[in-house]
Structures are given as C-alpha cells and as structure tokens.
Amino acid sequence: MLKGLALTPPVIGRISIGKVVERNGKRLPEKDDEFTITSQVQMKDGWVNHPLDEALRKAPGTKLRSIPVRLLFDDPDLNLRANYTMFERISGRPMCVGNGESCRRSTSAGMQTLSCPSPEACDLAIGGNCKPYGRLNVRIGDEDELGSFVFRTTGFNSIRTLSARLRYFHAVSGGTLATLQLELRLRGKSTTQSHRAPIYYVDLTVRTGMTLAQAVAAAKTEAQERQALGFDQGALD
C-alpha cells in the first residue's frame, strides 16, 4: 500500500448547483437555481449528465430541486469534509489547506504545517484567494452501495447548514446516519449582501412524506438488520 495515500470515498458522479458559461472568451462559473447530476466525463460543452438526472425529474424539462439520498458513514465528519482552501489559479492544485487553527501549506521549502488564522486575518488570503471548501458525499439509488456522488461547494451557507444538519441527525438518531432516509433540498434566501437578489444553498432533510420520528425508527430497524447480516458499519467508518 502506498504510504501517505489519502483514502477518499469512491466517486461515481457529481451534484452541482451551477454551470460554466463562456463570456468574452473566458469560461466562468455561474450559479443555478436547480440541481444537476452529472457523470465524471466532461466534454467540450460541459459535464455529461448522469442517467439519474433525467430519472429524478418529475417531467422532462422540470427543475430538479430535491434529491433522495443516503449517507455512507455514521460519522458526520466523514460524510462532509470542509476546510479553508487556497488553490493555485493556473493548475487548480491546492496550495494551502487549513481549518482555522492550523494549515498545511506548500512553500519553497516544501510542505509545512503552520498556524491558520482564517482567511480574514491571513496575509496570503488577501484578495479572496482562500475560501471555505466543502465536499459532501452521498449515495443516490442502490446500484452501487459504496459509490457516491460528490457535491462540492465554496458557499458558506451550504457548508454551515449541512454541518449543522449532519450533527443534528447524528444526535437524534443515536448515531445511525448511514441508514437514515434523507433528501438534499435546494433553498433560496435574500440578504443585504446579495442586494436582495435570491441566493441558493443546499439543505439536508428527512425524506419527503416522512416525519423525523418515522425516519429515525426506520433507520434504527435497518441498522439492526444490517448488523444481523454481518454488515460492519463501524469498520467502514
């Protein structure tokens, strides 16, 4: 086994709430008001949609604003990884990754561990080069029970909301996150900073048509059934 190799959840697709558009000869990110589920294949016109994108829409052409999902792990921090990240603009490689206390930074002397004062107080982050960066891994459907779709975001609202929801669900379910029937939902709000224009962020709720009590009861029952079959969720975590 390679030493120092970071094991991350196997990804079979992507979830996004934006797209890349071309303006004045430049390809720029643009926010959207719906989810798009894509494969990991990118063509000249953009990412190729995953078959689930069309299957989950109630009718062709309708906006996809909720996705039924499951989680891979019982540990909230394994499902959502979030940190401050500064990327090198040309290569797209991370130059500095921190958590607000310490960071790993690529320097002329090699990789170093330094203090991380957060982007607002970091000289290296002047100009908005360092942003919060979150990656949420979820399961969609039952075709690959250990494969995941990844939602990547630099939106503080999405990261904060998802972090809180994961910890709430972990607490009320007794730690059985992996068997909860959940749903990703796209929500909108207006703020002073957005000049009253709607901004969209991602939330995590129990599945439509279920109460929290029903979802927790079903999760506990499924967790017991998995354990009886020999499924070791603790070892997976």
C-alpha atoms as a PDB file:
ATOM      1  CA  MET A   1       0.000   0.000   0.000  1.00  0.00           C
ATOM      2  CA  LEU A   2       1.300   3.456  -0.851  1.00  0.00           C
ATOM      3  CA  LYS A   3       2.290   5.390   2.256  1.00  0.00           C
ATOM      4  CA  GLY A   4       0.604   8.750   2.758  1.00  0.00           C
ATOM      5  CA  LEU A   5      -2.156   7.983   0.238  1.00  0.00           C
ATOM      6  CA  ALA A   6      -5.400   9.647   1.337  1.00  0.00           C
ATOM      7  CA  LEU A   7      -8.383   7.292   1.064  1.00  0.00           C
ATOM      8  CA  THR A   8     -11.462   9.214  -0.073  1.00  0.00           C
ATOM      9  CA  PRO A   9     -14.930   7.845  -0.891  1.00  0.00           C
ATOM     10  CA  PRO A  10     -15.114   6.393  -4.425  1.00  0.00           C
ATOM     11  CA  VAL A  11     -16.953   8.910  -6.635  1.00  0.00           C
ATOM     12  CA  ILE A  12     -19.234   7.794  -9.476  1.00  0.00           C
ATOM     13  CA  GLY A  13     -20.811  11.175 -10.225  1.00  0.00           C
ATOM     14  CA  ARG A  14     -21.228  14.837  -9.313  1.00  0.00           C
ATOM     15  CA  ILE A  15     -24.011  17.054  -7.934  1.00  0.00           C
ATOM     16  CA  SER A  16     -23.855  20.754  -8.773  1.00  0.00           C
ATOM     17  CA  ILE A  17     -25.991  23.886  -8.482  1.00  0.00           C
ATOM     18  CA  GLY A  18     -24.103  25.787 -11.126  1.00  0.00           C
ATOM     19  CA  LYS A  19     -22.538  25.566 -14.536  1.00  0.00           C
ATOM     20  CA  VAL A  20     -19.698  27.038 -16.543  1.00  0.00           C
ATOM     21  CA  VAL A  21     -20.580  29.646 -19.173  1.00  0.00           C
ATOM     22  CA  GLU A  22     -18.378  31.359 -21.739  1.00  0.00           C
ATOM     23  CA  ARG A  23     -18.162  35.148 -21.638  1.00  0.00           C
ATOM     24  CA  ASN A  24     -15.722  37.275 -23.634  1.00  0.00           C
ATOM     25  CA  GLY A  25     -13.694  34.190 -24.446  1.00  0.00           C
ATOM     26  CA  LYS A  26     -13.452  33.101 -20.798  1.00  0.00           C
ATOM     27  CA  ARG A  27     -15.133  30.143 -19.096  1.00  0.00           C
ATOM     28  CA  LEU A  28     -16.692  31.402 -15.862  1.00  0.00           C
ATOM     29  CA  PRO A  29     -18.777  29.689 -13.151  1.00  0.00           C
ATOM     30  CA  GLU A  30     -22.434  30.687 -12.925  1.00  0.00           C
ATOM     31  CA  LYS A  31     -24.877  29.814 -10.128  1.00  0.00           C
ATOM     32  CA  ASP A  32     -28.079  27.955 -10.977  1.00  0.00           C
ATOM     33  CA  ASP A  33     -31.469  27.504  -9.283  1.00  0.00           C
ATOM     34  CA  GLU A  34     -31.608  23.718  -9.621  1.00  0.00           C
ATOM     35  CA  PHE A  35     -29.519  20.606  -9.100  1.00  0.00           C
ATOM     36  CA  THR A  36     -27.703  18.894 -11.943  1.00  0.00           C
ATOM     37  CA  ILE A  37     -26.431  15.323 -11.560  1.00  0.00           C
ATOM     38  CA  THR A  38     -23.560  14.533 -13.890  1.00  0.00           C
ATOM     39  CA  SER A  39     -21.155  11.721 -14.613  1.00  0.00           C
ATOM     40  CA  GLN A  40     -17.401  12.186 -14.265  1.00  0.00           C
ATOM     41  CA  VAL A  41     -17.000  12.652 -18.006  1.00  0.00           C
ATOM     42  CA  GLN A  42     -16.505  16.176 -19.323  1.00  0.00           C
ATOM     43  CA  MET A  43     -16.875  17.108 -22.990  1.00  0.00           C
ATOM     44  CA  LYS A  44     -16.180  20.435 -24.702  1.00  0.00           C
ATOM     45  CA  ASP A  45     -19.765  21.539 -23.975  1.00  0.00           C
ATOM     46  CA  GLY A  46     -19.544  20.649 -20.272  1.00  0.00           C
ATOM     47  CA  TRP A  47     -20.149  17.680 -17.996  1.00  0.00           C
ATOM     48  CA  VAL A  48     -22.212  14.790 -19.342  1.00  0.00           C
ATOM     49  CA  ASN A  49     -25.439  14.333 -17.389  1.00  0.00           C
ATOM     50  CA  HIS A  50     -25.859  11.123 -15.399  1.00  0.00           C
ATOM     51  CA  PRO A  51     -28.952   8.998 -16.255  1.00  0.00           C
ATOM     52  CA  LEU A  52     -30.248   9.679 -12.726  1.00  0.00           C
ATOM     53  CA  ASP A  53     -30.577  13.382 -13.579  1.00  0.00           C
ATOM     54  CA  GLU A  54     -33.399  12.668 -16.024  1.00  0.00           C
ATOM     55  CA  ALA A  55     -34.873   9.831 -13.946  1.00  0.00           C
ATOM     56  CA  LEU A  56     -35.352  12.038 -10.857  1.00  0.00           C
ATOM     57  CA  ARG A  57     -37.122  14.845 -12.698  1.00  0.00           C
ATOM     58  CA  LYS A  58     -40.907  14.622 -12.380  1.00  0.00           C
ATOM     59  CA  ALA A  59     -41.260  15.561 -16.038  1.00  0.00           C
ATOM     60  CA  PRO A  60     -38.777  16.357 -18.829  1.00  0.00           C
ATOM     61  CA  GLY A  61     -37.541  19.922 -18.540  1.00  0.00           C
ATOM     62  CA  THR A  62     -38.700  20.477 -14.937  1.00  0.00           C
ATOM     63  CA  LYS A  63     -36.255  21.855 -12.385  1.00  0.00           C
ATOM     64  CA  LEU A  64     -34.610  19.353 -10.043  1.00  0.00           C
ATOM     65  CA  ARG A  65     -34.718  20.893  -6.561  1.00  0.00           C
ATOM     66  CA  SER A  66     -34.682  17.817  -4.332  1.00  0.00           C
ATOM     67  CA  ILE A  67     -32.730  14.547  -4.466  1.00  0.00           C
ATOM     68  CA  PRO A  68     -33.391  11.464  -2.283  1.00  0.00           C
ATOM     69  CA  VAL A  69     -30.066  10.426  -0.767  1.00  0.00           C
ATOM     70  CA  ARG A  70     -28.383   8.145   1.754  1.00  0.00           C
ATOM     71  CA  LEU A  71     -25.072   8.668   3.536  1.00  0.00           C
ATOM     72  CA  LEU A  72     -22.078   6.342   3.505  1.00  0.00           C
ATOM     73  CA  PHE A  73     -20.930   6.845   7.084  1.00  0.00           C
ATOM     74  CA  ASP A  74     -22.336   7.315  10.581  1.00  0.00           C
ATOM     75  CA  ASP A  75     -19.625   9.882  11.379  1.00  0.00           C
ATOM     76  CA  PRO A  76     -20.713  13.398  10.218  1.00  0.00           C
ATOM     77  CA  ASP A  77     -17.127  14.459   9.518  1.00  0.00           C
ATOM     78  CA  LEU A  78     -16.602  11.567   7.118  1.00  0.00           C
ATOM     79  CA  ASN A  79     -19.670  12.498   5.065  1.00  0.00           C
ATOM     80  CA  LEU A  80     -18.832  16.220   4.874  1.00  0.00           C
ATOM     81  CA  ARG A  81     -15.216  17.356   4.700  1.00  0.00           C
ATOM     82  CA  ALA A  82     -14.803  21.124   4.959  1.00  0.00           C
ATOM     83  CA  ASN A  83     -11.759  23.362   5.257  1.00  0.00           C
ATOM     84  CA  TYR A  84     -10.267  26.635   4.095  1.00  0.00           C
ATOM     85  CA  THR A  85      -8.501  26.113   0.775  1.00  0.00           C
ATOM     86  CA  MET A  86      -6.408  28.340  -1.460  1.00  0.00           C
ATOM     87  CA  PHE A  87      -5.986  26.996  -4.997  1.00  0.00           C
ATOM     88  CA  GLU A  88      -3.264  27.815  -7.481  1.00  0.00           C
ATOM     89  CA  ARG A  89      -5.182  29.568 -10.261  1.00  0.00           C
ATOM     90  CA  ILE A  90      -3.412  28.013 -13.258  1.00  0.00           C
ATOM     91  CA  SER A  91      -3.076  24.365 -12.225  1.00  0.00           C
ATOM     92  CA  GLY A  92      -6.034  24.275  -9.839  1.00  0.00           C
ATOM     93  CA  ARG A  93      -3.956  22.484  -7.205  1.00  0.00           C
ATOM     94  CA  PRO A  94      -4.473  23.358  -3.513  1.00  0.00           C
ATOM     95  CA  MET A  95      -1.596  25.471  -2.175  1.00  0.00           C
ATOM     96  CA  CYS A  96      -2.830  25.830   1.398  1.00  0.00           C
ATOM     97  CA  VAL A  97      -5.456  23.850   3.333  1.00  0.00           C
ATOM     98  CA  GLY A  98      -6.436  24.815   6.885  1.00  0.00           C
ATOM     99  CA  ASN A  99      -9.171  24.532   9.496  1.00  0.00           C
ATOM    100  CA  GLY A 100      -8.921  27.907  11.257  1.00  0.00           C
ATOM    101  CA  GLU A 101      -6.278  26.662  13.717  1.00  0.00           C
ATOM    102  CA  SER A 102      -3.547  25.015  11.630  1.00  0.00           C
ATOM    103  CA  CYS A 103      -2.858  24.526   7.932  1.00  0.00           C
ATOM    104  CA  ARG A 104      -0.694  22.539   5.532  1.00  0.00           C
ATOM    105  CA  ARG A 105       0.952  24.940   3.076  1.00  0.00           C
ATOM    106  CA  SER A 106       3.135  24.386   0.030  1.00  0.00           C
ATOM    107  CA  THR A 107       6.185  26.659   0.332  1.00  0.00           C
ATOM    108  CA  SER A 108       9.583  26.987  -1.355  1.00  0.00           C
ATOM    109  CA  ALA A 109      10.954  24.840   1.480  1.00  0.00           C
ATOM    110  CA  GLY A 110       8.365  22.134   0.888  1.00  0.00           C
ATOM    111  CA  MET A 111       5.128  21.250   2.666  1.00  0.00           C
ATOM    112  CA  GLN A 112       4.897  22.904   6.082  1.00  0.00           C
ATOM    113  CA  THR A 113       2.427  22.918   8.973  1.00  0.00           C
ATOM    114  CA  LEU A 114       1.643  26.494  10.014  1.00  0.00           C
ATOM    115  CA  SER A 115      -0.964  28.360  12.026  1.00  0.00           C
ATOM    116  CA  CYS A 116      -4.248  29.186  10.237  1.00  0.00           C
ATOM    117  CA  PRO A 117      -5.875  32.458  11.378  1.00  0.00           C
ATOM    118  CA  SER A 118      -8.810  32.032   8.871  1.00  0.00           C
ATOM    119  CA  PRO A 119      -8.960  33.953   5.557  1.00  0.00           C
ATOM    120  CA  GLU A 120      -9.966  37.283   7.129  1.00  0.00           C
ATOM    121  CA  ALA A 121      -6.710  37.513   9.094  1.00  0.00           C
ATOM    122  CA  CYS A 122      -4.310  35.759   6.691  1.00  0.00           C
ATOM    123  CA  ASP A 123      -1.928  37.829   4.567  1.00  0.00           C
ATOM    124  CA  LEU A 124      -1.740  35.060   1.973  1.00  0.00           C
ATOM    125  CA  ALA A 125      -5.524  35.149   1.523  1.00  0.00           C
ATOM    126  CA  ILE A 126      -5.739  38.855   0.608  1.00  0.00           C
ATOM    127  CA  GLY A 127      -7.915  39.322  -2.458  1.00  0.00           C
ATOM    128  CA  GLY A 128     -10.268  36.454  -1.695  1.00  0.00           C
ATOM    129  CA  ASN A 129      -7.868  33.719  -2.808  1.00  0.00           C
ATOM    130  CA  CYS A 130      -8.727  31.481   0.163  1.00  0.00           C
ATOM    131  CA  LYS A 131     -12.302  30.236   0.581  1.00  0.00           C
ATOM    132  CA  PRO A 132     -14.215  27.634   2.563  1.00  0.00           C
ATOM    133  CA  TYR A 133     -14.373  24.445   0.518  1.00  0.00           C
ATOM    134  CA  GLY A 134     -16.758  21.622   1.334  1.00  0.00           C
ATOM    135  CA  ARG A 135     -17.261  18.156  -0.164  1.00  0.00           C
ATOM    136  CA  LEU A 136     -20.375  16.162   0.698  1.00  0.00           C
ATOM    137  CA  ASN A 137     -20.507  12.524  -0.416  1.00  0.00           C
ATOM    138  CA  VAL A 138     -23.954  10.919  -0.731  1.00  0.00           C
ATOM    139  CA  ARG A 139     -25.497   7.801  -2.253  1.00  0.00           C
ATOM    140  CA  ILE A 140     -28.264   8.085  -4.854  1.00  0.00           C
ATOM    141  CA  GLY A 141     -30.140   4.889  -5.597  1.00  0.00           C
ATOM    142  CA  ASP A 142     -28.951   1.372  -4.747  1.00  0.00           C
ATOM    143  CA  GLU A 143     -26.910   0.480  -7.828  1.00  0.00           C
ATOM    144  CA  ASP A 144     -23.576   0.973  -6.031  1.00  0.00           C
ATOM    145  CA  GLU A 145     -23.914   0.962  -2.246  1.00  0.00           C
ATOM    146  CA  LEU A 146     -20.294   2.022  -1.666  1.00  0.00           C
ATOM    147  CA  GLY A 147     -20.078   4.507  -4.527  1.00  0.00           C
ATOM    148  CA  SER A 148     -21.023   8.136  -4.011  1.00  0.00           C
ATOM    149  CA  PHE A 149     -21.950  11.348  -5.743  1.00  0.00           C
ATOM    150  CA  VAL A 150     -19.974  14.358  -4.544  1.00  0.00           C
ATOM    151  CA  PHE A 151     -21.362  17.854  -4.028  1.00  0.00           C
ATOM    152  CA  ARG A 152     -18.558  20.403  -3.949  1.00  0.00           C
ATOM    153  CA  THR A 153     -19.205  23.938  -2.724  1.00  0.00           C
ATOM    154  CA  THR A 154     -17.438  27.109  -1.642  1.00  0.00           C
ATOM    155  CA  GLY A 155     -20.742  28.520  -0.359  1.00  0.00           C
ATOM    156  CA  PHE A 156     -20.631  29.298   3.346  1.00  0.00           C
ATOM    157  CA  ASN A 157     -24.426  28.944   3.668  1.00  0.00           C
ATOM    158  CA  SER A 158     -24.392  25.397   2.270  1.00  0.00           C
ATOM    159  CA  ILE A 159     -21.401  24.319   4.378  1.00  0.00           C
ATOM    160  CA  ARG A 160     -22.822  25.738   7.614  1.00  0.00           C
ATOM    161  CA  THR A 161     -26.312  24.305   7.008  1.00  0.00           C
ATOM    162  CA  LEU A 162     -25.063  20.842   6.036  1.00  0.00           C
ATOM    163  CA  SER A 163     -22.681  20.724   9.020  1.00  0.00           C
ATOM    164  CA  ALA A 164     -25.486  21.578  11.441  1.00  0.00           C
ATOM    165  CA  ARG A 165     -27.957  19.144   9.886  1.00  0.00           C
ATOM    166  CA  LEU A 166     -25.495  16.236   9.972  1.00  0.00           C
ATOM    167  CA  ARG A 167     -24.795  16.789  13.649  1.00  0.00           C
ATOM    168  CA  TYR A 168     -28.492  17.170  14.477  1.00  0.00           C
ATOM    169  CA  PHE A 169     -29.405  13.948  12.654  1.00  0.00           C
ATOM    170  CA  HIS A 170     -26.448  12.134  14.235  1.00  0.00           C
ATOM    171  CA  ALA A 171     -27.649  13.186  17.679  1.00  0.00           C
ATOM    172  CA  VAL A 172     -31.377  12.413  17.335  1.00  0.00           C
ATOM    173  CA  SER A 173     -30.811   9.076  15.546  1.00  0.00           C
ATOM    174  CA  GLY A 174     -28.320   7.745  18.074  1.00  0.00           C
ATOM    175  CA  GLY A 175     -25.543   7.835  15.510  1.00  0.00           C
ATOM    176  CA  THR A 176     -27.292   5.879  12.730  1.00  0.00           C
ATOM    177  CA  LEU A 177     -26.680   8.374   9.918  1.00  0.00           C
ATOM    178  CA  ALA A 178     -25.909   5.740   7.282  1.00  0.00           C
ATOM    179  CA  THR A 179     -29.420   4.243   7.398  1.00  0.00           C
ATOM    180  CA  LEU A 180     -31.440   7.470   7.562  1.00  0.00           C
ATOM    181  CA  GLN A 181     -33.619   8.191   4.547  1.00  0.00           C
ATOM    182  CA  LEU A 182     -32.656  11.763   3.688  1.00  0.00           C
ATOM    183  CA  GLU A 183     -33.113  14.331   0.962  1.00  0.00           C
ATOM    184  CA  LEU A 184     -30.951  17.111  -0.452  1.00  0.00           C
ATOM    185  CA  ARG A 185     -33.010  20.249  -0.978  1.00  0.00           C
ATOM    186  CA  LEU A 186     -32.204  23.487  -2.722  1.00  0.00           C
ATOM    187  CA  ARG A 187     -33.323  26.532  -0.751  1.00  0.00           C
ATOM    188  CA  GLY A 188     -33.200  30.219  -1.568  1.00  0.00           C
ATOM    189  CA  LYS A 189     -32.944  33.368   0.505  1.00  0.00           C
ATOM    190  CA  SER A 190     -32.171  37.044   0.095  1.00  0.00           C
ATOM    191  CA  THR A 191     -29.736  39.054   2.210  1.00  0.00           C
ATOM    192  CA  THR A 192     -28.360  42.557   2.372  1.00  0.00           C
ATOM    193  CA  GLN A 193     -25.073  41.320   0.936  1.00  0.00           C
ATOM    194  CA  SER A 194     -26.893  39.774  -2.050  1.00  0.00           C
ATOM    195  CA  HIS A 195     -28.658  43.133  -2.651  1.00  0.00           C
ATOM    196  CA  ARG A 196     -31.992  41.350  -2.058  1.00  0.00           C
ATOM    197  CA  ALA A 197     -31.397  39.035  -5.014  1.00  0.00           C
ATOM    198  CA  PRO A 198     -32.069  35.348  -4.245  1.00  0.00           C
ATOM    199  CA  ILE A 199     -29.085  33.167  -3.439  1.00  0.00           C
ATOM    200  CA  TYR A 200     -29.345  29.384  -3.328  1.00  0.00           C
ATOM    201  CA  TYR A 201     -27.847  26.921  -0.867  1.00  0.00           C
ATOM    202  CA  VAL A 202     -28.166  23.205  -0.140  1.00  0.00           C
ATOM    203  CA  ASP A 203     -30.004  21.784   2.859  1.00  0.00           C
ATOM    204  CA  LEU A 204     -30.388  18.209   4.148  1.00  0.00           C
ATOM    205  CA  THR A 205     -33.759  16.991   5.476  1.00  0.00           C
ATOM    206  CA  VAL A 206     -35.619  13.746   6.066  1.00  0.00           C
ATOM    207  CA  ARG A 207     -37.280  12.220   3.014  1.00  0.00           C
ATOM    208  CA  THR A 208     -40.477  13.867   1.773  1.00  0.00           C
ATOM    209  CA  GLY A 209     -43.548  12.173   3.260  1.00  0.00           C
ATOM    210  CA  MET A 210     -41.745  11.059   6.439  1.00  0.00           C
ATOM    211  CA  THR A 211     -41.647  12.617   9.887  1.00  0.00           C
ATOM    212  CA  LEU A 212     -38.384  12.770  11.815  1.00  0.00           C
ATOM    213  CA  ALA A 213     -39.679  10.108  14.232  1.00  0.00           C
ATOM    214  CA  GLN A 214     -40.562   7.774  11.351  1.00  0.00           C
ATOM    215  CA  ALA A 215     -37.169   8.292   9.718  1.00  0.00           C
ATOM    216  CA  VAL A 216     -35.309   7.572  12.971  1.00  0.00           C
ATOM    217  CA  ALA A 217     -37.382   4.446  13.687  1.00  0.00           C
ATOM    218  CA  ALA A 218     -36.782   3.111  10.160  1.00  0.00           C
ATOM    219  CA  ALA A 219     -33.053   3.896  10.431  1.00  0.00           C
ATOM    220  CA  LYS A 220     -32.669   2.001  13.695  1.00  0.00           C
ATOM    221  CA  THR A 221     -34.538  -1.006  12.313  1.00  0.00           C
ATOM    222  CA  GLU A 222     -32.398  -1.086   9.168  1.00  0.00           C
ATOM    223  CA  ALA A 223     -29.199  -0.686  11.201  1.00  0.00           C
ATOM    224  CA  GLN A 224     -30.156  -3.728  13.292  1.00  0.00           C
ATOM    225  CA  GLU A 225     -30.967  -5.741  10.152  1.00  0.00           C
ATOM    226  CA  ARG A 226     -27.615  -4.810   8.598  1.00  0.00           C
ATOM    227  CA  GLN A 227     -25.765  -5.840  11.735  1.00  0.00           C
ATOM    228  CA  ALA A 228     -27.587  -9.183  11.814  1.00  0.00           C
ATOM    229  CA  LEU A 229     -26.478  -9.787   8.209  1.00  0.00           C
ATOM    230  CA  GLY A 230     -22.855  -9.069   9.131  1.00  0.00           C
ATOM    231  CA  PHE A 231     -22.592  -5.529   7.741  1.00  0.00           C
ATOM    232  CA  ASP A 232     -19.972  -3.786   9.922  1.00  0.00           C
ATOM    233  CA  GLN A 233     -20.700  -0.052   9.708  1.00  0.00           C
ATOM    234  CA  GLY A 234     -18.167   0.745  12.425  1.00  0.00           C
ATOM    235  CA  ALA A 235     -15.367  -0.875  10.430  1.00  0.00           C
ATOM    236  CA  LEU A 236     -16.432   1.036   7.309  1.00  0.00           C
ATOM    237  CA  ASP A 237     -16.256   4.322   9.214  1.00  0.00           C
END
